[in-house]
Amino acid sequence: MPELPEVEGVVRQIRPVSIGKRIVSVDVSDTIRKSKNSGKQAILKRIEADDFQERLSGAQILAVERRSKYIYVTLKKEQEFLLVNHLGMSGAWFFVDSLLSIPEDKFRRHVHVVLTLDDGNLLAFSDIRRFGEMRVLKTEADFPPLLLMAPEPFADGAMEWFLQQAESPKFRNKPIKEAIMDGTVISGCGNIYATEALFRMKIHPKRATSRISRKRKIELFQAIAEILLESIEAGGSTISDYRNINGESGSMQDRFGMYGKKTCTICGTSTKTVKIASRASVYCPACQK
């Protein structure tokens, strides 16, 4: 699943090619329409396909920003409103002059939303597994879970928030990895970067949060922020389906110390896997205590 660095990479590429442009038409795939007709909510949440087309058609793109793992697109017709997008497990945006220009067949076959801009180019959203989300909101308050997200990890006050949440009754007795993957504790850190940060800090993923000193918690927060920044600079991580809007893969996966490894990159010990918060957590039993 794309995490903060991957979403940041998409936003940084969408922004210069879209801001100021007008959406002249919107296409929604037959797959999504069939999902809607059967009462399901694939990708388009709480809005029908025709209403989604009507709301976005003719709107001008004013801003493209990232909030945690979400993409916020500020649009304006008579009034400003938001298109909020989560990439899910396999969502990807492509900026192309034709759907045939999308570089891989697996993405071309699963395009579900196409925004045609007034310069003739397309912003196409492909989602192979259809776990992505799009919501049309007046403000983020229309989808209350957005208001619960922790501050951005690079923002002033983010560390203090992290410490407060990690030491709260809700999280103090939970495994540290479960805490740092929770978006109300720290924004944008999922399984991949939580694995890498804990390995860098030599902390066992199942260690109770209360059994980690405040000093070590501060160091862990700093390690998470550093790893997220490193990944942004590397274009994110491509494990299977992540691509940027030009169809390019990231390279952070080449720098992993623990995620997906069979042996520890420091001591050579065989890694172990444990399930935490329904996610497979890889760790070194010798290095991480």
Protein backbone atom coordinates (compact mmCIF):
# COMPACT_ATOMS: atom_id res chain seq x y z
CA MET A 1 0.00 0.00 0.00
CA PRO A 2 1.40 3.43 -0.90
CA GLU A 3 2.47 5.33 2.20
CA LEU A 4 3.36 8.99 2.76
CA PRO A 5 6.43 9.12 0.46
CA GLU A 6 4.65 7.50 -2.48
CA VAL A 7 1.64 9.80 -2.15
CA GLU A 8 3.94 12.82 -1.82
CA GLY A 9 5.67 11.82 -5.04
CA VAL A 10 2.35 11.63 -6.89
CA VAL A 11 1.24 15.01 -5.53
CA ARG A 12 4.51 16.71 -6.50
CA GLN A 13 4.06 15.49 -10.07
CA ILE A 14 0.34 16.16 -10.44
CA ARG A 15 0.60 19.70 -9.08
CA PRO A 16 2.59 21.41 -11.89
CA VAL A 17 0.64 19.76 -14.72
CA SER A 18 -2.82 20.40 -13.32
CA ILE A 19 -3.10 23.58 -11.26
CA GLY A 20 -5.05 26.25 -13.11
CA LYS A 21 -6.42 23.73 -15.59
CA ARG A 22 -10.13 23.09 -16.03
CA ILE A 23 -11.71 19.65 -16.11
CA VAL A 24 -13.75 19.60 -19.31
CA SER A 25 -15.11 16.06 -18.96
CA VAL A 26 -15.08 13.08 -16.60
CA ASP A 27 -15.31 9.40 -17.53
CA VAL A 28 -16.14 6.60 -15.09
CA SER A 29 -15.55 2.94 -15.99
CA ASP A 30 -18.33 0.45 -16.56
CA THR A 31 -16.84 -1.60 -13.74
CA ILE A 32 -17.54 1.19 -11.26
CA ARG A 33 -21.02 1.75 -12.67
CA LYS A 34 -21.85 -1.95 -12.26
CA SER A 35 -20.53 -1.80 -8.70
CA LYS A 36 -22.81 1.14 -7.98
CA ASN A 37 -25.79 -0.58 -9.56
CA SER A 38 -25.24 -3.58 -7.28
CA GLY A 39 -25.15 -1.36 -4.19
CA LYS A 40 -21.40 -1.47 -3.68
CA GLN A 41 -19.05 1.47 -3.19
CA ALA A 42 -16.01 0.64 -5.34
CA ILE A 43 -13.71 3.71 -5.47
CA LEU A 44 -16.47 6.36 -5.62
CA LYS A 45 -17.69 6.70 -2.05
CA ARG A 46 -21.16 8.01 -1.21
CA ILE A 47 -21.68 9.45 -4.67
CA GLU A 48 -23.19 8.01 -7.84
CA ALA A 49 -21.13 7.92 -11.03
CA ASP A 50 -23.34 10.46 -12.85
CA ASP A 51 -23.26 12.84 -9.87
CA PHE A 52 -19.48 12.49 -9.68
CA GLN A 53 -19.20 13.41 -13.35
CA GLU A 54 -21.51 16.38 -12.93
CA ARG A 55 -19.72 17.72 -9.85
CA LEU A 56 -16.25 17.62 -11.41
CA SER A 57 -17.01 18.57 -15.01
CA GLY A 58 -16.20 22.22 -15.58
CA ALA A 59 -14.32 22.61 -12.28
CA GLN A 60 -10.98 24.38 -12.13
CA ILE A 61 -8.10 22.78 -10.24
CA LEU A 62 -6.85 25.26 -7.64
CA ALA A 63 -4.52 23.16 -5.50
CA VAL A 64 -3.14 19.63 -5.10
CA GLU A 65 -1.86 18.74 -1.65
CA ARG A 66 -1.06 15.72 0.47
CA ARG A 67 -2.46 15.05 3.93
CA SER A 68 -1.02 11.88 5.45
CA LYS A 69 -1.72 9.20 2.79
CA TYR A 70 -4.51 11.19 1.12
CA ILE A 71 -4.45 13.45 -1.94
CA TYR A 72 -6.52 16.62 -1.54
CA VAL A 73 -7.52 18.32 -4.81
CA THR A 74 -9.15 21.71 -4.29
CA LEU A 75 -11.64 22.41 -7.07
CA LYS A 76 -13.90 25.35 -7.90
CA LYS A 77 -17.09 25.75 -9.87
CA GLU A 78 -19.49 28.18 -8.24
CA GLN A 79 -17.80 27.40 -4.92
CA GLU A 80 -14.68 25.60 -3.79
CA PHE A 81 -14.86 21.93 -2.82
CA LEU A 82 -12.54 18.96 -2.34
CA LEU A 83 -11.81 15.77 -4.21
CA VAL A 84 -10.13 13.52 -1.64
CA ASN A 85 -8.34 10.47 -3.00
CA HIS A 86 -6.73 7.50 -1.26
CA LEU A 87 -4.65 5.23 -3.50
CA GLY A 88 -5.62 2.09 -1.59
CA MET A 89 -3.46 -0.96 -2.34
CA SER A 90 -2.78 -0.42 -6.03
CA GLY A 91 -4.11 2.97 -7.13
CA ALA A 92 -2.02 5.04 -9.55
CA TRP A 93 -2.50 8.33 -11.40
CA PHE A 94 -1.14 8.84 -14.92
CA PHE A 95 -0.76 12.11 -16.85
CA VAL A 96 -1.03 11.16 -20.51
CA ASP A 97 -2.26 12.40 -23.88
CA SER A 98 -4.09 9.11 -24.48
CA LEU A 99 -4.96 6.05 -22.41
CA LEU A 100 -2.80 4.07 -24.83
CA SER A 101 0.17 6.06 -23.48
CA ILE A 102 -0.15 4.45 -20.03
CA PRO A 103 3.04 2.36 -20.01
CA GLU A 104 1.86 -0.99 -18.64
CA ASP A 105 -1.06 -3.11 -19.78
CA LYS A 106 -2.10 -4.03 -16.23
CA PHE A 107 -2.73 -0.35 -15.52
CA ARG A 108 -4.36 0.37 -18.89
CA ARG A 109 -6.88 -2.43 -18.28
CA HIS A 110 -7.96 -1.03 -14.92
CA VAL A 111 -8.51 2.68 -15.55
CA HIS A 112 -11.63 3.69 -13.64
CA VAL A 113 -11.69 7.50 -13.66
CA VAL A 114 -10.44 9.81 -16.40
CA LEU A 115 -10.31 13.60 -16.04
CA THR A 116 -9.89 15.33 -19.40
CA LEU A 117 -8.22 18.73 -18.93
CA ASP A 118 -8.68 21.82 -21.06
CA ASP A 119 -5.21 21.38 -22.58
CA GLY A 120 -6.28 18.01 -24.03
CA ASN A 121 -4.26 15.89 -21.60
CA LEU A 122 -5.74 13.27 -19.29
CA LEU A 123 -5.39 12.55 -15.60
CA ALA A 124 -6.27 8.86 -15.43
CA PHE A 125 -6.77 6.91 -12.22
CA SER A 126 -6.04 3.19 -12.47
CA ASP A 127 -6.71 0.78 -9.63
CA ILE A 128 -6.11 -2.91 -10.20
CA ARG A 129 -7.59 -4.09 -6.90
CA ARG A 130 -10.18 -1.30 -6.55
CA PHE A 131 -9.42 -0.54 -2.89
CA GLY A 132 -8.77 3.12 -3.70
CA GLU A 133 -11.21 5.84 -2.68
CA MET A 134 -12.53 9.08 -4.09
CA ARG A 135 -14.78 11.38 -2.07
CA VAL A 136 -16.31 14.69 -3.12
CA LEU A 137 -16.58 16.89 -0.03
CA LYS A 138 -17.49 20.47 0.77
CA THR A 139 -14.77 20.39 3.44
CA GLU A 140 -12.78 17.63 5.11
CA ALA A 141 -15.22 17.85 8.03
CA ASP A 142 -17.72 16.03 5.78
CA PHE A 143 -15.63 12.89 6.31
CA PRO A 144 -14.82 12.99 10.07
CA PRO A 145 -11.98 10.38 10.01
CA LEU A 146 -9.88 12.97 8.17
CA LEU A 147 -10.07 15.22 11.23
CA LEU A 148 -8.56 12.51 13.43
CA MET A 149 -5.27 12.26 11.53
CA ALA A 150 -2.10 13.11 13.43
CA PRO A 151 -0.09 16.17 12.39
CA GLU A 152 2.30 15.76 9.49
CA PRO A 153 5.52 14.16 10.83
CA PHE A 154 7.58 17.13 9.62
CA ALA A 155 5.29 19.74 11.21
CA ASP A 156 5.88 21.68 14.41
CA GLY A 157 4.25 19.88 17.29
CA ALA A 158 4.19 16.47 15.58
CA MET A 159 6.66 14.92 18.03
CA GLU A 160 4.74 16.20 21.03
CA TRP A 161 1.53 14.80 19.56
CA PHE A 162 3.25 11.46 18.93
CA LEU A 163 4.45 11.22 22.52
CA GLN A 164 1.07 12.19 23.92
CA GLN A 165 -0.75 9.58 21.84
CA ALA A 166 1.84 6.83 22.32
CA GLU A 167 1.72 7.30 26.09
CA SER A 168 -2.08 7.48 26.25
CA PRO A 169 -4.13 4.62 27.77
CA LYS A 170 -5.23 3.60 24.25
CA PHE A 171 -1.70 2.82 23.06
CA ARG A 172 0.62 2.48 26.04
CA ASN A 173 0.13 -1.30 26.34
CA LYS A 174 -0.07 -2.03 22.62
CA PRO A 175 2.89 -3.19 20.51
CA ILE A 176 4.95 -0.22 19.40
CA LYS A 177 4.53 -1.18 15.76
CA GLU A 178 0.74 -1.07 16.07
CA ALA A 179 1.02 2.41 17.57
CA ILE A 180 3.26 3.88 14.87
CA MET A 181 1.14 2.42 12.06
CA ASP A 182 -1.93 4.17 13.46
CA GLY A 183 -2.59 7.41 11.60
CA THR A 184 -3.90 9.11 14.74
CA VAL A 185 -0.45 8.67 16.34
CA ILE A 186 1.79 9.62 13.40
CA SER A 187 0.64 10.41 9.88
CA GLY A 188 1.67 8.43 6.84
CA CYS A 189 3.72 5.64 8.41
CA GLY A 190 2.51 2.20 7.34
CA ASN A 191 3.93 -1.29 7.49
CA ILE A 192 6.95 -0.66 5.26
CA TYR A 193 8.40 2.38 7.01
CA ALA A 194 7.41 1.20 10.48
CA THR A 195 9.42 -1.98 9.79
CA GLU A 196 12.42 0.03 8.62
CA ALA A 197 12.31 2.52 11.52
CA LEU A 198 12.07 -0.19 14.18
CA PHE A 199 14.95 -2.08 12.59
CA ARG A 200 17.07 1.08 12.46
CA MET A 201 16.33 1.65 16.17
CA LYS A 202 16.79 -2.07 17.01
CA ILE A 203 13.37 -2.20 18.68
CA HIS A 204 11.29 -5.39 18.58
CA PRO A 205 7.96 -4.66 16.85
CA LYS A 206 5.96 -6.38 19.62
CA ARG A 207 7.57 -4.47 22.47
CA ALA A 208 4.88 -2.69 24.47
CA THR A 209 4.94 1.06 23.95
CA SER A 210 5.09 1.58 27.72
CA ARG A 211 8.34 -0.43 27.84
CA ILE A 212 10.16 2.08 25.66
CA SER A 213 11.67 5.10 27.38
CA ARG A 214 10.61 8.60 26.37
CA LYS A 215 14.14 9.22 25.07
CA ARG A 216 13.89 6.16 22.81
CA LYS A 217 10.41 7.19 21.68
CA ILE A 218 11.79 10.57 20.61
CA GLU A 219 14.63 8.85 18.74
CA LEU A 220 12.11 6.51 17.09
CA PHE A 221 9.96 9.43 15.95
CA GLN A 222 13.04 11.10 14.49
CA ALA A 223 14.02 7.86 12.71
CA ILE A 224 10.53 7.59 11.17
CA ALA A 225 10.68 11.18 9.91
CA GLU A 226 14.19 10.63 8.50
CA ILE A 227 13.19 7.45 6.68
CA LEU A 228 10.09 9.08 5.22
CA LEU A 229 12.21 11.96 3.90
CA GLU A 230 14.79 9.54 2.48
CA SER A 231 12.04 7.70 0.66
CA ILE A 232 10.56 10.91 -0.75
CA GLU A 233 13.99 11.73 -2.18
CA ALA A 234 14.23 8.20 -3.63
CA GLY A 235 10.85 8.50 -5.35
CA GLY A 236 9.15 6.17 -2.89
CA SER A 237 9.13 2.38 -2.78
CA THR A 238 7.83 0.11 -5.53
CA ILE A 239 6.98 -3.29 -4.06
CA SER A 240 4.51 -4.32 -6.76
CA ASP A 241 2.11 -1.76 -8.20
CA TYR A 242 3.28 1.72 -7.14
CA ARG A 243 4.11 4.03 -10.07
CA ASN A 244 4.38 7.81 -10.36
CA ILE A 245 2.29 9.71 -12.92
CA ASN A 246 4.87 9.00 -15.64
CA GLY A 247 4.75 5.27 -14.96
CA GLU A 248 8.13 5.22 -13.21
CA SER A 249 8.99 3.08 -10.17
CA GLY A 250 10.57 4.34 -6.97
CA SER A 251 13.94 3.11 -5.68
CA MET A 252 13.65 3.20 -1.88
CA GLN A 253 13.13 -0.59 -1.88
CA ASP A 254 16.79 -0.93 -2.87
CA ARG A 255 17.76 0.67 0.45
CA PHE A 256 15.63 -1.47 2.77
CA GLY A 257 17.39 -2.95 5.73
CA MET A 258 14.60 -5.25 6.91
CA TYR A 259 11.32 -5.07 4.99
CA GLY A 260 10.94 -8.19 2.86
CA LYS A 261 14.32 -9.58 3.94
CA LYS A 262 14.97 -13.25 4.71
CA THR A 263 18.20 -12.55 6.59
CA CYS A 264 19.28 -9.55 8.67
CA THR A 265 21.37 -7.09 6.67
CA ILE A 266 23.45 -6.35 9.79
CA CYS A 267 24.15 -9.70 11.47
CA GLY A 268 22.99 -12.28 8.92
CA THR A 269 20.51 -13.94 11.29
CA SER A 270 17.38 -15.41 9.66
CA THR A 271 14.51 -12.97 10.08
CA LYS A 272 11.21 -13.84 11.71
CA THR A 273 7.67 -12.73 10.94
CA VAL A 274 4.89 -11.95 13.38
CA LYS A 275 1.43 -10.57 12.71
CA ILE A 276 0.70 -7.20 14.32
CA ALA A 277 -2.49 -5.27 13.65
CA SER A 278 -3.27 -7.75 10.85
CA ARG A 279 0.00 -6.96 9.08
CA ALA A 280 3.04 -9.23 8.64
CA SER A 281 5.94 -7.75 10.60
CA VAL A 282 9.46 -8.84 9.69
CA TYR A 283 12.23 -8.41 12.29
CA CYS A 284 15.62 -9.67 13.35
CA PRO A 285 15.41 -11.72 16.57
CA ALA A 286 19.08 -11.00 17.32
CA CYS A 287 19.22 -7.25 16.70
CA GLN A 288 15.73 -6.14 17.73
CA LYS A 289 14.88 -6.44 21.42
